[in-house]
Amino acid sequence: MRRLLYALAAAAALPASASADAPIPDTARQRELVRMVRQDCGSCHGMTLAGGLGPALTRAALADKPLDSLAAVIEHGRPGTPMPPWRSMLRPGESRWIAERLLAGFPEESR
């Protein structure tokens, strides 16, 4: 049983470590991602990300959420809920980059 738990923990860590090594999006792509979060995510989570159909994505609301869990939800969605998977629109590591920005307090559109 203990070996099974270790194997499951190791398997769960694989995607997170792979995305952690992904390159940081260049400045132009970062602007695209910010716009995508503001417009596409904002359509459900509120235009200021303070909540709507979906929960708030503010720094305070996400304070107790693990980075890798947020990145996984962005990438794979939440089955049985309106939260869709975004992996088809994202390059490797971008879901993690977005999650990092959300945890830090999402940047203003002008940045």
PDB file of N, CA and C in Angstrom:
ATOM      1  N   MET A   1       0.818  -1.191   0.000  1.00  0.00           N
ATOM      2  CA  MET A   1       0.000   0.000   0.000  1.00  0.00           C
ATOM      3  C   MET A   1       0.864   1.257   0.000  1.00  0.00           C
ATOM      4  N   ARG A   2       1.915   1.251   0.798  1.00  0.00           N
ATOM      5  CA  ARG A   2       2.797   2.404   0.872  1.00  0.00           C
ATOM      6  C   ARG A   2       3.461   2.666  -0.482  1.00  0.00           C
ATOM      7  N   ARG A   3       3.868   1.594  -1.166  1.00  0.00           N
ATOM      8  CA  ARG A   3       4.492   1.754  -2.484  1.00  0.00           C
ATOM      9  C   ARG A   3       3.517   2.371  -3.475  1.00  0.00           C
ATOM     10  N   LEU A   4       2.267   1.958  -3.396  1.00  0.00           N
ATOM     11  CA  LEU A   4       1.250   2.514  -4.272  1.00  0.00           C
ATOM     12  C   LEU A   4       1.102   4.012  -4.033  1.00  0.00           C
ATOM     13  N   LEU A   5       1.080   4.427  -2.785  1.00  0.00           N
ATOM     14  CA  LEU A   5       0.970   5.852  -2.471  1.00  0.00           C
ATOM     15  C   LEU A   5       2.165   6.634  -2.998  1.00  0.00           C
ATOM     16  N   TYR A   6       3.369   6.083  -2.839  1.00  0.00           N
ATOM     17  CA  TYR A   6       4.561   6.748  -3.370  1.00  0.00           C
ATOM     18  C   TYR A   6       4.504   6.840  -4.892  1.00  0.00           C
ATOM     19  N   ALA A   7       4.062   5.767  -5.536  1.00  0.00           N
ATOM     20  CA  ALA A   7       3.965   5.764  -6.999  1.00  0.00           C
ATOM     21  C   ALA A   7       2.954   6.801  -7.480  1.00  0.00           C
ATOM     22  N   LEU A   8       1.813   6.883  -6.799  1.00  0.00           N
ATOM     23  CA  LEU A   8       0.810   7.876  -7.171  1.00  0.00           C
ATOM     24  C   LEU A   8       1.326   9.295  -6.964  1.00  0.00           C
ATOM     25  N   ALA A   9       2.019   9.522  -5.867  1.00  0.00           N
ATOM     26  CA  ALA A   9       2.584  10.850  -5.605  1.00  0.00           C
ATOM     27  C   ALA A   9       3.617  11.218  -6.660  1.00  0.00           C
ATOM     28  N   ALA A  10       4.455  10.273  -7.035  1.00  0.00           N
ATOM     29  CA  ALA A  10       5.469  10.532  -8.060  1.00  0.00           C
ATOM     30  C   ALA A  10       4.820  10.807  -9.408  1.00  0.00           C
ATOM     31  N   ALA A  11       3.789  10.049  -9.757  1.00  0.00           N
ATOM     32  CA  ALA A  11       3.103  10.255 -11.029  1.00  0.00           C
ATOM     33  C   ALA A  11       2.410  11.611 -11.063  1.00  0.00           C
ATOM     34  N   ALA A  12       1.834  12.011  -9.952  1.00  0.00           N
ATOM     35  CA  ALA A  12       1.160  13.307  -9.894  1.00  0.00           C
ATOM     36  C   ALA A  12       2.142  14.457 -10.043  1.00  0.00           C
ATOM     37  N   ALA A  13       3.364  14.259  -9.628  1.00  0.00           N
ATOM     38  CA  ALA A  13       4.364  15.327  -9.700  1.00  0.00           C
ATOM     39  C   ALA A  13       4.952  15.480 -11.093  1.00  0.00           C
ATOM     40  N   LEU A  14       4.836  14.493 -11.952  1.00  0.00           N
ATOM     41  CA  LEU A  14       5.455  14.561 -13.275  1.00  0.00           C
ATOM     42  C   LEU A  14       4.972  15.728 -14.124  1.00  0.00           C
ATOM     43  N   PRO A  15       3.667  15.908 -14.334  1.00  0.00           N
ATOM     44  CA  PRO A  15       3.254  17.033 -15.163  1.00  0.00           C
ATOM     45  C   PRO A  15       3.660  18.374 -14.573  1.00  0.00           C
ATOM     46  N   ALA A  16       3.627  18.496 -13.269  1.00  0.00           N
ATOM     47  CA  ALA A  16       3.994  19.762 -12.632  1.00  0.00           C
ATOM     48  C   ALA A  16       5.456  20.076 -12.866  1.00  0.00           C
ATOM     49  N   SER A  17       6.328  19.084 -12.743  1.00  0.00           N
ATOM     50  CA  SER A  17       7.742  19.362 -12.935  1.00  0.00           C
ATOM     51  C   SER A  17       8.045  19.642 -14.392  1.00  0.00           C
ATOM     52  N   ALA A  18       7.313  19.011 -15.303  1.00  0.00           N
ATOM     53  CA  ALA A  18       7.539  19.277 -16.722  1.00  0.00           C
ATOM     54  C   ALA A  18       7.156  20.708 -17.058  1.00  0.00           C
ATOM     55  N   SER A  19       6.016  21.186 -16.538  1.00  0.00           N
ATOM     56  CA  SER A  19       5.608  22.549 -16.848  1.00  0.00           C
ATOM     57  C   SER A  19       6.478  23.565 -16.122  1.00  0.00           C
ATOM     58  N   ALA A  20       7.055  23.180 -14.991  1.00  0.00           N
ATOM     59  CA  ALA A  20       7.925  24.095 -14.257  1.00  0.00           C
ATOM     60  C   ALA A  20       9.184  24.396 -15.053  1.00  0.00           C
ATOM     61  N   ASP A  21       9.604  23.461 -15.914  1.00  0.00           N
ATOM     62  CA  ASP A  21      10.797  23.657 -16.722  1.00  0.00           C
ATOM     63  C   ASP A  21      10.506  24.329 -18.059  1.00  0.00           C
ATOM     64  N   ALA A  22       9.241  24.584 -18.361  1.00  0.00           N
ATOM     65  CA  ALA A  22       8.870  25.186 -19.637  1.00  0.00           C
ATOM     66  C   ALA A  22       9.372  26.626 -19.689  1.00  0.00           C
ATOM     67  N   PRO A  23       9.674  27.108 -20.894  1.00  0.00           N
ATOM     68  CA  PRO A  23      10.161  28.481 -21.020  1.00  0.00           C
ATOM     69  C   PRO A  23       9.088  29.500 -20.636  1.00  0.00           C
ATOM     70  N   ILE A  24       9.526  30.638 -20.144  1.00  0.00           N
ATOM     71  CA  ILE A  24       8.615  31.736 -19.818  1.00  0.00           C
ATOM     72  C   ILE A  24       8.149  32.352 -21.133  1.00  0.00           C
ATOM     73  N   PRO A  25       6.858  32.612 -21.277  1.00  0.00           N
ATOM     74  CA  PRO A  25       6.374  33.226 -22.518  1.00  0.00           C
ATOM     75  C   PRO A  25       7.060  34.568 -22.765  1.00  0.00           C
ATOM     76  N   ASP A  26       7.327  34.871 -24.051  1.00  0.00           N
ATOM     77  CA  ASP A  26       7.943  36.160 -24.366  1.00  0.00           C
ATOM     78  C   ASP A  26       6.937  37.281 -24.095  1.00  0.00           C
ATOM     79  N   THR A  27       7.401  38.517 -24.160  1.00  0.00           N
ATOM     80  CA  THR A  27       6.581  39.670 -23.781  1.00  0.00           C
ATOM     81  C   THR A  27       5.299  39.767 -24.596  1.00  0.00           C
ATOM     82  N   ALA A  28       5.386  39.533 -25.898  1.00  0.00           N
ATOM     83  CA  ALA A  28       4.193  39.609 -26.743  1.00  0.00           C
ATOM     84  C   ALA A  28       3.180  38.539 -26.344  1.00  0.00           C
ATOM     85  N   ARG A  29       3.660  37.334 -26.089  1.00  0.00           N
ATOM     86  CA  ARG A  29       2.759  36.249 -25.700  1.00  0.00           C
ATOM     87  C   ARG A  29       2.170  36.517 -24.312  1.00  0.00           C
ATOM     88  N   GLN A  30       2.953  37.099 -23.416  1.00  0.00           N
ATOM     89  CA  GLN A  30       2.430  37.444 -22.093  1.00  0.00           C
ATOM     90  C   GLN A  30       1.252  38.407 -22.228  1.00  0.00           C
ATOM     91  N   ARG A  31       1.375  39.386 -23.122  1.00  0.00           N
ATOM     92  CA  ARG A  31       0.270  40.327 -23.347  1.00  0.00           C
ATOM     93  C   ARG A  31      -0.968  39.594 -23.869  1.00  0.00           C
ATOM     94  N   GLU A  32      -0.748  38.630 -24.785  1.00  0.00           N
ATOM     95  CA  GLU A  32      -1.868  37.838 -25.304  1.00  0.00           C
ATOM     96  C   GLU A  32      -2.539  37.043 -24.183  1.00  0.00           C
ATOM     97  N   LEU A  33      -1.727  36.459 -23.317  1.00  0.00           N
ATOM     98  CA  LEU A  33      -2.273  35.661 -22.213  1.00  0.00           C
ATOM     99  C   LEU A  33      -3.048  36.533 -21.228  1.00  0.00           C
ATOM    100  N   VAL A  34      -2.530  37.720 -20.933  1.00  0.00           N
ATOM    101  CA  VAL A  34      -3.238  38.646 -20.040  1.00  0.00           C
ATOM    102  C   VAL A  34      -4.583  39.007 -20.656  1.00  0.00           C
ATOM    103  N   ARG A  35      -4.586  39.318 -21.945  1.00  0.00           N
ATOM    104  CA  ARG A  35      -5.828  39.657 -22.638  1.00  0.00           C
ATOM    105  C   ARG A  35      -6.801  38.470 -22.607  1.00  0.00           C
ATOM    106  N   MET A  36      -6.285  37.268 -22.839  1.00  0.00           N
ATOM    107  CA  MET A  36      -7.127  36.077 -22.815  1.00  0.00           C
ATOM    108  C   MET A  36      -7.768  35.893 -21.434  1.00  0.00           C
ATOM    109  N   VAL A  37      -6.967  36.038 -20.385  1.00  0.00           N
ATOM    110  CA  VAL A  37      -7.516  35.878 -19.036  1.00  0.00           C
ATOM    111  C   VAL A  37      -8.569  36.946 -18.771  1.00  0.00           C
ATOM    112  N   ARG A  38      -8.273  38.185 -19.105  1.00  0.00           N
ATOM    113  CA  ARG A  38      -9.229  39.270 -18.859  1.00  0.00           C
ATOM    114  C   ARG A  38     -10.526  39.049 -19.628  1.00  0.00           C
ATOM    115  N   GLN A  39     -10.429  38.663 -20.904  1.00  0.00           N
ATOM    116  CA  GLN A  39     -11.631  38.543 -21.730  1.00  0.00           C
ATOM    117  C   GLN A  39     -12.311  37.186 -21.588  1.00  0.00           C
ATOM    118  N   ASP A  40     -11.565  36.108 -21.812  1.00  0.00           N
ATOM    119  CA  ASP A  40     -12.179  34.781 -21.821  1.00  0.00           C
ATOM    120  C   ASP A  40     -12.491  34.289 -20.411  1.00  0.00           C
ATOM    121  N   CYS A  41     -11.518  34.346 -19.532  1.00  0.00           N
ATOM    122  CA  CYS A  41     -11.762  33.909 -18.150  1.00  0.00           C
ATOM    123  C   CYS A  41     -12.725  34.880 -17.468  1.00  0.00           C
ATOM    124  N   GLY A  42     -12.548  36.174 -17.785  1.00  0.00           N
ATOM    125  CA  GLY A  42     -13.392  37.203 -17.193  1.00  0.00           C
ATOM    126  C   GLY A  42     -14.860  37.062 -17.541  1.00  0.00           C
ATOM    127  N   SER A  43     -15.163  36.409 -18.666  1.00  0.00           N
ATOM    128  CA  SER A  43     -16.570  36.250 -19.039  1.00  0.00           C
ATOM    129  C   SER A  43     -17.328  35.394 -18.021  1.00  0.00           C
ATOM    130  N   CYS A  44     -16.640  34.512 -17.320  1.00  0.00           N
ATOM    131  CA  CYS A  44     -17.284  33.704 -16.268  1.00  0.00           C
ATOM    132  C   CYS A  44     -16.866  34.136 -14.858  1.00  0.00           C
ATOM    133  N   HIS A  45     -15.616  34.534 -14.705  1.00  0.00           N
ATOM    134  CA  HIS A  45     -15.081  34.859 -13.379  1.00  0.00           C
ATOM    135  C   HIS A  45     -15.209  36.346 -13.053  1.00  0.00           C
ATOM    136  N   GLY A  46     -15.879  37.097 -13.921  1.00  0.00           N
ATOM    137  CA  GLY A  46     -16.048  38.527 -13.718  1.00  0.00           C
ATOM    138  C   GLY A  46     -14.931  39.299 -14.399  1.00  0.00           C
ATOM    139  N   MET A  47     -15.267  40.425 -14.978  1.00  0.00           N
ATOM    140  CA  MET A  47     -14.287  41.187 -15.751  1.00  0.00           C
ATOM    141  C   MET A  47     -13.113  41.670 -14.901  1.00  0.00           C
ATOM    142  N   THR A  48     -13.315  41.802 -13.603  1.00  0.00           N
ATOM    143  CA  THR A  48     -12.206  42.153 -12.711  1.00  0.00           C
ATOM    144  C   THR A  48     -11.712  40.924 -11.954  1.00  0.00           C
ATOM    145  N   LEU A  49     -12.191  39.745 -12.371  1.00  0.00           N
ATOM    146  CA  LEU A  49     -11.832  38.452 -11.778  1.00  0.00           C
ATOM    147  C   LEU A  49     -12.277  38.333 -10.320  1.00  0.00           C
ATOM    148  N   ALA A  50     -13.258  39.157  -9.931  1.00  0.00           N
ATOM    149  CA  ALA A  50     -13.752  39.133  -8.552  1.00  0.00           C
ATOM    150  C   ALA A  50     -14.907  38.158  -8.365  1.00  0.00           C
ATOM    151  N   GLY A  51     -15.234  37.391  -9.392  1.00  0.00           N
ATOM    152  CA  GLY A  51     -16.279  36.386  -9.298  1.00  0.00           C
ATOM    153  C   GLY A  51     -17.460  36.714 -10.180  1.00  0.00           C
ATOM    154  N   GLY A  52     -18.158  35.695 -10.582  1.00  0.00           N
ATOM    155  CA  GLY A  52     -19.329  35.794 -11.442  1.00  0.00           C
ATOM    156  C   GLY A  52     -19.964  34.418 -11.453  1.00  0.00           C
ATOM    157  N   LEU A  53     -20.161  33.848 -12.648  1.00  0.00           N
ATOM    158  CA  LEU A  53     -20.609  32.458 -12.746  1.00  0.00           C
ATOM    159  C   LEU A  53     -19.580  31.552 -12.080  1.00  0.00           C
ATOM    160  N   GLY A  54     -18.298  31.849 -12.325  1.00  0.00           N
ATOM    161  CA  GLY A  54     -17.208  31.114 -11.690  1.00  0.00           C
ATOM    162  C   GLY A  54     -16.712  31.861 -10.456  1.00  0.00           C
ATOM    163  N   PRO A  55     -15.921  31.200  -9.625  1.00  0.00           N
ATOM    164  CA  PRO A  55     -15.432  31.839  -8.398  1.00  0.00           C
ATOM    165  C   PRO A  55     -14.431  32.961  -8.682  1.00  0.00           C
ATOM    166  N   ALA A  56     -14.194  33.776  -7.680  1.00  0.00           N
ATOM    167  CA  ALA A  56     -13.214  34.857  -7.779  1.00  0.00           C
ATOM    168  C   ALA A  56     -11.817  34.284  -8.021  1.00  0.00           C
ATOM    169  N   LEU A  57     -11.037  35.004  -8.816  1.00  0.00           N
ATOM    170  CA  LEU A  57      -9.652  34.619  -9.094  1.00  0.00           C
ATOM    171  C   LEU A  57      -8.681  35.670  -8.565  1.00  0.00           C
ATOM    172  N   THR A  58      -9.072  36.328  -7.495  1.00  0.00           N
ATOM    173  CA  THR A  58      -8.213  37.338  -6.884  1.00  0.00           C
ATOM    174  C   THR A  58      -7.142  36.669  -6.027  1.00  0.00           C
ATOM    175  N   ARG A  59      -6.115  37.429  -5.709  1.00  0.00           N
ATOM    176  CA  ARG A  59      -5.039  36.899  -4.863  1.00  0.00           C
ATOM    177  C   ARG A  59      -5.593  36.389  -3.532  1.00  0.00           C
ATOM    178  N   ALA A  60      -6.491  37.144  -2.923  1.00  0.00           N
ATOM    179  CA  ALA A  60      -7.059  36.733  -1.632  1.00  0.00           C
ATOM    180  C   ALA A  60      -7.876  35.446  -1.765  1.00  0.00           C
ATOM    181  N   ALA A  61      -8.665  35.342  -2.824  1.00  0.00           N
ATOM    182  CA  ALA A  61      -9.509  34.158  -3.008  1.00  0.00           C
ATOM    183  C   ALA A  61      -8.691  32.904  -3.292  1.00  0.00           C
ATOM    184  N   LEU A  62      -7.513  33.069  -3.884  1.00  0.00           N
ATOM    185  CA  LEU A  62      -6.678  31.927  -4.268  1.00  0.00           C
ATOM    186  C   LEU A  62      -5.540  31.652  -3.289  1.00  0.00           C
ATOM    187  N   ALA A  63      -5.469  32.407  -2.212  1.00  0.00           N
ATOM    188  CA  ALA A  63      -4.321  32.342  -1.298  1.00  0.00           C
ATOM    189  C   ALA A  63      -4.008  30.940  -0.791  1.00  0.00           C
ATOM    190  N   ASP A  64      -5.019  30.110  -0.596  1.00  0.00           N
ATOM    191  CA  ASP A  64      -4.772  28.769  -0.050  1.00  0.00           C
ATOM    192  C   ASP A  64      -4.720  27.683  -1.129  1.00  0.00           C
ATOM    193  N   LYS A  65      -4.703  28.079  -2.390  1.00  0.00           N
ATOM    194  CA  LYS A  65      -4.699  27.111  -3.491  1.00  0.00           C
ATOM    195  C   LYS A  65      -3.267  26.838  -3.953  1.00  0.00           C
ATOM    196  N   PRO A  66      -2.887  25.574  -4.088  1.00  0.00           N
ATOM    197  CA  PRO A  66      -1.541  25.245  -4.577  1.00  0.00           C
ATOM    198  C   PRO A  66      -1.373  25.625  -6.054  1.00  0.00           C
ATOM    199  N   LEU A  67      -0.207  26.118  -6.386  1.00  0.00           N
ATOM    200  CA  LEU A  67       0.115  26.528  -7.751  1.00  0.00           C
ATOM    201  C   LEU A  67      -0.174  25.418  -8.755  1.00  0.00           C
ATOM    202  N   ASP A  68       0.308  24.226  -8.486  1.00  0.00           N
ATOM    203  CA  ASP A  68       0.136  23.128  -9.437  1.00  0.00           C
ATOM    204  C   ASP A  68      -1.332  22.760  -9.628  1.00  0.00           C
ATOM    205  N   SER A  69      -2.135  22.889  -8.587  1.00  0.00           N
ATOM    206  CA  SER A  69      -3.567  22.606  -8.711  1.00  0.00           C
ATOM    207  C   SER A  69      -4.247  23.635  -9.605  1.00  0.00           C
ATOM    208  N   LEU A  70      -3.902  24.898  -9.420  1.00  0.00           N
ATOM    209  CA  LEU A  70      -4.472  25.946 -10.269  1.00  0.00           C
ATOM    210  C   LEU A  70      -4.079  25.737 -11.724  1.00  0.00           C
ATOM    211  N   ALA A  71      -2.811  25.439 -11.959  1.00  0.00           N
ATOM    212  CA  ALA A  71      -2.341  25.206 -13.325  1.00  0.00           C
ATOM    213  C   ALA A  71      -3.078  24.027 -13.953  1.00  0.00           C
ATOM    214  N   ALA A  72      -3.314  22.985 -13.182  1.00  0.00           N
ATOM    215  CA  ALA A  72      -4.025  21.809 -13.697  1.00  0.00           C
ATOM    216  C   ALA A  72      -5.471  22.147 -14.054  1.00  0.00           C
ATOM    217  N   VAL A  73      -6.131  22.953 -13.238  1.00  0.00           N
ATOM    218  CA  VAL A  73      -7.511  23.349 -13.534  1.00  0.00           C
ATOM    219  C   VAL A  73      -7.547  24.197 -14.801  1.00  0.00           C
ATOM    220  N   ILE A  74      -6.609  25.116 -14.948  1.00  0.00           N
ATOM    221  CA  ILE A  74      -6.548  25.939 -16.156  1.00  0.00           C
ATOM    222  C   ILE A  74      -6.362  25.045 -17.381  1.00  0.00           C
ATOM    223  N   GLU A  75      -5.473  24.120 -17.283  1.00  0.00           N
ATOM    224  CA  GLU A  75      -5.143  23.259 -18.419  1.00  0.00           C
ATOM    225  C   GLU A  75      -6.236  22.239 -18.730  1.00  0.00           C
ATOM    226  N   HIS A  76      -6.793  21.608 -17.700  1.00  0.00           N
ATOM    227  CA  HIS A  76      -7.711  20.484 -17.908  1.00  0.00           C
ATOM    228  C   HIS A  76      -9.173  20.793 -17.610  1.00  0.00           C
ATOM    229  N   GLY A  77      -9.471  21.964 -17.054  1.00  0.00           N
ATOM    230  CA  GLY A  77     -10.841  22.296 -16.704  1.00  0.00           C
ATOM    231  C   GLY A  77     -11.311  21.522 -15.486  1.00  0.00           C
ATOM    232  N   ARG A  78     -12.612  21.593 -15.234  1.00  0.00           N
ATOM    233  CA  ARG A  78     -13.237  20.843 -14.137  1.00  0.00           C
ATOM    234  C   ARG A  78     -14.433  20.103 -14.710  1.00  0.00           C
ATOM    235  N   PRO A  79     -14.286  18.807 -14.965  1.00  0.00           N
ATOM    236  CA  PRO A  79     -15.399  18.036 -15.526  1.00  0.00           C
ATOM    237  C   PRO A  79     -16.661  18.177 -14.667  1.00  0.00           C
ATOM    238  N   GLY A  80     -17.794  18.287 -15.338  1.00  0.00           N
ATOM    239  CA  GLY A  80     -19.065  18.413 -14.633  1.00  0.00           C
ATOM    240  C   GLY A  80     -19.394  19.832 -14.217  1.00  0.00           C
ATOM    241  N   THR A  81     -18.528  20.783 -14.595  1.00  0.00           N
ATOM    242  CA  THR A  81     -18.770  22.198 -14.298  1.00  0.00           C
ATOM    243  C   THR A  81     -18.613  22.987 -15.600  1.00  0.00           C
ATOM    244  N   PRO A  82     -18.969  24.270 -15.602  1.00  0.00           N
ATOM    245  CA  PRO A  82     -18.762  25.076 -16.808  1.00  0.00           C
ATOM    246  C   PRO A  82     -17.283  25.385 -17.115  1.00  0.00           C
ATOM    247  N   MET A  83     -16.365  25.048 -16.197  1.00  0.00           N
ATOM    248  CA  MET A  83     -14.941  25.359 -16.405  1.00  0.00           C
ATOM    249  C   MET A  83     -14.361  24.453 -17.495  1.00  0.00           C
ATOM    250  N   PRO A  84     -14.025  25.047 -18.669  1.00  0.00           N
ATOM    251  CA  PRO A  84     -13.499  24.237 -19.773  1.00  0.00           C
ATOM    252  C   PRO A  84     -11.989  24.041 -19.666  1.00  0.00           C
ATOM    253  N   PRO A  85     -11.463  23.048 -20.368  1.00  0.00           N
ATOM    254  CA  PRO A  85     -10.006  22.921 -20.459  1.00  0.00           C
ATOM    255  C   PRO A  85      -9.476  23.960 -21.450  1.00  0.00           C
ATOM    256  N   TRP A  86      -8.349  24.571 -21.133  1.00  0.00           N
ATOM    257  CA  TRP A  86      -7.744  25.587 -22.006  1.00  0.00           C
ATOM    258  C   TRP A  86      -6.484  25.083 -22.685  1.00  0.00           C
ATOM    259  N   ARG A  87      -6.125  23.817 -22.488  1.00  0.00           N
ATOM    260  CA  ARG A  87      -4.854  23.300 -23.006  1.00  0.00           C
ATOM    261  C   ARG A  87      -4.702  23.463 -24.509  1.00  0.00           C
ATOM    262  N   SER A  88      -5.797  23.424 -25.271  1.00  0.00           N
ATOM    263  CA  SER A  88      -5.678  23.558 -26.725  1.00  0.00           C
ATOM    264  C   SER A  88      -5.270  24.968 -27.141  1.00  0.00           C
ATOM    265  N   MET A  89      -5.442  25.949 -26.256  1.00  0.00           N
ATOM    266  CA  MET A  89      -5.081  27.333 -26.566  1.00  0.00           C
ATOM    267  C   MET A  89      -3.762  27.751 -25.928  1.00  0.00           C
ATOM    268  N   LEU A  90      -3.169  26.854 -25.145  1.00  0.00           N
ATOM    269  CA  LEU A  90      -1.961  27.202 -24.393  1.00  0.00           C
ATOM    270  C   LEU A  90      -0.767  26.378 -24.837  1.00  0.00           C
ATOM    271  N   ARG A  91       0.393  26.981 -24.750  1.00  0.00           N
ATOM    272  CA  ARG A  91       1.654  26.285 -25.005  1.00  0.00           C
ATOM    273  C   ARG A  91       2.143  25.681 -23.687  1.00  0.00           C
ATOM    274  N   PRO A  92       3.078  24.735 -23.762  1.00  0.00           N
ATOM    275  CA  PRO A  92       3.597  24.131 -22.521  1.00  0.00           C
ATOM    276  C   PRO A  92       4.073  25.194 -21.527  1.00  0.00           C
ATOM    277  N   GLY A  93       3.645  25.056 -20.303  1.00  0.00           N
ATOM    278  CA  GLY A  93       4.058  25.952 -19.228  1.00  0.00           C
ATOM    279  C   GLY A  93       3.199  27.192 -19.054  1.00  0.00           C
ATOM    280  N   GLU A  94       2.341  27.495 -20.039  1.00  0.00           N
ATOM    281  CA  GLU A  94       1.559  28.726 -19.935  1.00  0.00           C
ATOM    282  C   GLU A  94       0.467  28.648 -18.878  1.00  0.00           C
ATOM    283  N   SER A  95      -0.075  27.473 -18.639  1.00  0.00           N
ATOM    284  CA  SER A  95      -1.078  27.368 -17.570  1.00  0.00           C
ATOM    285  C   SER A  95      -0.428  27.672 -16.224  1.00  0.00           C
ATOM    286  N   ARG A  96       0.794  27.225 -16.050  1.00  0.00           N
ATOM    287  CA  ARG A  96       1.528  27.522 -14.813  1.00  0.00           C
ATOM    288  C   ARG A  96       1.845  29.021 -14.727  1.00  0.00           C
ATOM    289  N   TRP A  97       2.245  29.635 -15.833  1.00  0.00           N
ATOM    290  CA  TRP A  97       2.541  31.065 -15.858  1.00  0.00           C
ATOM    291  C   TRP A  97       1.293  31.858 -15.447  1.00  0.00           C
ATOM    292  N   ILE A  98       0.137  31.486 -15.998  1.00  0.00           N
ATOM    293  CA  ILE A  98      -1.115  32.159 -15.645  1.00  0.00           C
ATOM    294  C   ILE A  98      -1.420  31.964 -14.160  1.00  0.00           C
ATOM    295  N   ALA A  99      -1.274  30.742 -13.671  1.00  0.00           N
ATOM    296  CA  ALA A  99      -1.538  30.465 -12.252  1.00  0.00           C
ATOM    297  C   ALA A  99      -0.619  31.292 -11.354  1.00  0.00           C
ATOM    298  N   GLU A 100       0.646  31.412 -11.736  1.00  0.00           N
ATOM    299  CA  GLU A 100       1.587  32.236 -10.955  1.00  0.00           C
ATOM    300  C   GLU A 100       1.123  33.684 -10.917  1.00  0.00           C
ATOM    301  N   ARG A 101       0.662  34.213 -12.052  1.00  0.00           N
ATOM    302  CA  ARG A 101       0.190  35.594 -12.103  1.00  0.00           C
ATOM    303  C   ARG A 101      -1.051  35.764 -11.229  1.00  0.00           C
ATOM    304  N   LEU A 102      -1.968  34.801 -11.288  1.00  0.00           N
ATOM    305  CA  LEU A 102      -3.177  34.893 -10.465  1.00  0.00           C
ATOM    306  C   LEU A 102      -2.831  34.901  -8.980  1.00  0.00           C
ATOM    307  N   LEU A 103      -1.915  34.039  -8.568  1.00  0.00           N
ATOM    308  CA  LEU A 103      -1.522  33.981  -7.154  1.00  0.00           C
ATOM    309  C   LEU A 103      -0.823  35.259  -6.700  1.00  0.00           C
ATOM    310  N   ALA A 104      -0.164  35.935  -7.627  1.00  0.00           N
ATOM    311  CA  ALA A 104       0.548  37.171  -7.298  1.00  0.00           C
ATOM    312  C   ALA A 104      -0.358  38.399  -7.388  1.00  0.00           C
ATOM    313  N   GLY A 105      -1.568  38.233  -7.894  1.00  0.00           N
ATOM    314  CA  GLY A 105      -2.456  39.363  -8.151  1.00  0.00           C
ATOM    315  C   GLY A 105      -2.339  39.692  -9.622  1.00  0.00           C
ATOM    316  N   PHE A 106      -3.331  39.337 -10.398  1.00  0.00           N
ATOM    317  CA  PHE A 106      -3.208  39.400 -11.850  1.00  0.00           C
ATOM    318  C   PHE A 106      -2.845  40.798 -12.320  1.00  0.00           C
ATOM    319  N   PRO A 107      -1.961  40.913 -13.304  1.00  0.00           N
ATOM    320  CA  PRO A 107      -1.507  42.233 -13.781  1.00  0.00           C
ATOM    321  C   PRO A 107      -2.618  43.011 -14.473  1.00  0.00           C
ATOM    322  N   GLU A 108      -2.463  44.292 -14.445  1.00  0.00           N
ATOM    323  CA  GLU A 108      -3.394  45.164 -15.156  1.00  0.00           C
ATOM    324  C   GLU A 108      -3.181  44.995 -16.652  1.00  0.00           C
ATOM    325  N   GLU A 109      -4.195  45.283 -17.426  1.00  0.00           N
ATOM    326  CA  GLU A 109      -4.138  45.157 -18.887  1.00  0.00           C
ATOM    327  C   GLU A 109      -3.010  45.995 -19.483  1.00  0.00           C
ATOM    328  N   SER A 110      -2.690  47.118 -18.875  1.00  0.00           N
ATOM    329  CA  SER A 110      -1.683  48.019 -19.432  1.00  0.00           C
ATOM    330  C   SER A 110      -0.264  47.504 -19.288  1.00  0.00           C
ATOM    331  N   ARG A 111      -0.044  46.521 -18.451  1.00  0.00           N
ATOM    332  CA  ARG A 111       1.319  46.016 -18.247  1.00  0.00           C
ATOM    333  C   ARG A 111       1.778  45.182 -19.397  1.00  0.00           C
TER     334      ARG A 111
END
